[in-house]
Amino acid sequence: MNSPILRRTVGLLATPALALGALAALPAAPSYAAEDPAPVTAGAAWLETQLTDGLVFNPNFGGFDDYGLSIDVALGLDAIGGHDPAVQAVTDAIAANLSSYTSYPTGDSTHVLAGSMGKALALATSAGRDGNAFGGTDLVADLEAQVATEALIDGRIQDTFDGTQPFEADFSNTIGQAFAVQGLDAEASALVDPATDFLLAQQCTEGFFRLNFAAADAPLQACDADPEAAPDTDVTALAVIALQSQTDDTDVQAAVTRATDWLAGAQRDNGSFGGGTSTEAPNTNSTGLAGWALGTEGDTARAAEAATWVRRLQADDTAPCASGLTPDNGAIAYDAAARNTARGEGITDAVEDQFRRASAQALPGLQWAPAEGTGAVAVPNQRFFQQAGRSITVVSGGGLAPGDTVCVTRGRAVAARTTAGDDGQAVARVTLPAGTALRTFVLRSGEATVGSTTFQAVAAKKLGLKIAKVRVARGAFDTVKVSGLARRESVRVFLRGKRVAAGTANAQGVLTKRFKVTGNLGKATLKVTGEFANRTNTATITVKR
């Protein structure tokens, strides 16, 4: 199914012959006037198509309903608003399968997953459900039973498991703690304060939140006590989002401020973020979550930078620039490599899960995608005549939304794909085909033309050359006729290396020019050169008395 990409009207720049010639130490982010709803609308539409009876089905590993990812989809849709039927469908499906999501059998016992309980409660409360009567159980009480009350680990969520069984362990971590805090606060649980305090203890002095807890029997449970604590963008952003309902508490707000300051400092110059220790490279999961957190905390400029980077990786390949991603327009790729591969192969079963996870977590961050650029539009200054086979630059007009996908076509062929820059203008490199001909490149944003550039490509050639007199008296005039030129191609005539004439070819590609013969007596080489040095020819004349 094709998800719609809504588009704004953009200014056109037809160029028939031309193309482009809150830490104090942090650089200021560009200021954007308004947000563009198009990428959020398209992303949400695609995510909704991934639900079957309220659940995301993963066809791999024998096939299974992915409850956790289904919740991610619902929470993403709930964050942007306007998609309550889908959110409620997921909530109903999770309620119907709650025990399968929050526990599993192992040996003669049952492993109870505290993090899954916290995430399910966060969904239930976000969807307006009663957590005390959800999925046939009192989910609030069930989660409270997984919150430790011992002095050292008071407030920490923990799994129930049989440690004698192979591969069994407590899988709880800071992400699950954040979801639990969010749900417990929504239900005004008596345990929300110690749970929140334990979550805040997972924040290091630098401002980031770590992913993994200390061992349950460790004497020190705070992040600062762990010399191996590693920064994690995703965890930090999720913590900021989960704590929003408690920012009236000065301690919570102080922690959130430190976290957003750290996120601002972790943002790369291009607006992107890396994740944790295994996902350090820029990706849309981390960038979308960080942008969501920053935007929620009022740093809309940096949120816009993050949204722009995510938008560049959102599928938006409409006709006449269709690709393997066209049936999934609106989906968000994890990174450029994933997008480029899917343009050729489509979103296959092997990569579908990655696209879904990236889309679910990055979607809310697209709320801050700017509708218009901020910089000055580049002034075209490139030559009309270009050498065939060479790479050249083409530009669109201004007024595009930063990050918007722009396709460059030549005839019916796709010559290049790019995205609009922060200034609202798209710049692309294209290769001129072989041969001498007019070559027109059209830049398109969806079905709209946002730029058109025509070049006269000229290939290497031995030009036609005729001389009126091959024996000429010194001081007299001779006439040269050059043919095989392109219309309006410039020509220079050299005698013994000195330019003696120049002109422009007529509509038939011919230049006829008189020149004065000077210099020493004897044989002399006459050379004509067209627009480029590889378009030339030579002849010999004799200079006489």
Foldseek 3Di string as FASTA:
>chain_A
DFQDQDFDDFAFDAAAQWFFPVDPPDDDFDDFDAADCRLLRRLLVLLLVQDDQQFHWAPPPVIDTDLVLSLLQLVLDLLVDDPLVSLVSNLVVCLQCVCVQQWDDFDPRIKGALLSLLSNLLSQLSSVHQCCQGSNHNSLVVNVVQADCDDQRHQAGWMDDDPVTPPDDTPDWLLSLLSNLLRCVSNVHPRNVRSVVLSLQQAEPQQAGATHFDPPPDNHTGNPVDPPGWGFLLSLLSNLVSCVVPCVDVVSVVSLVSSLVSLSVQADPQLFAFGIPVTRDTWLLSLLSNLLSCVVVPVLSSLQSSLLQQLLQFAQQAPPRAFLCRRSGSFTAGDPVRSVVCRHVNCDSVCVVRSSSSSSRNSSSNRSQHQFADDDDRDIDDGQEDAAFDKDKHKFAARHGRNQKKFKDWVSHTFDIFTAHNRRMTMDIGHGHDAFDKTKIFIDRHPDTGYIYIHGYHYQEAWDKDKPAQEEEAFDKIKMKTAPAAFQWKKFKDKQRHTFDIDGAHNRRMDMDMGHHHDDFAKIKMKMDTNDNSHIHIDIGGYDD
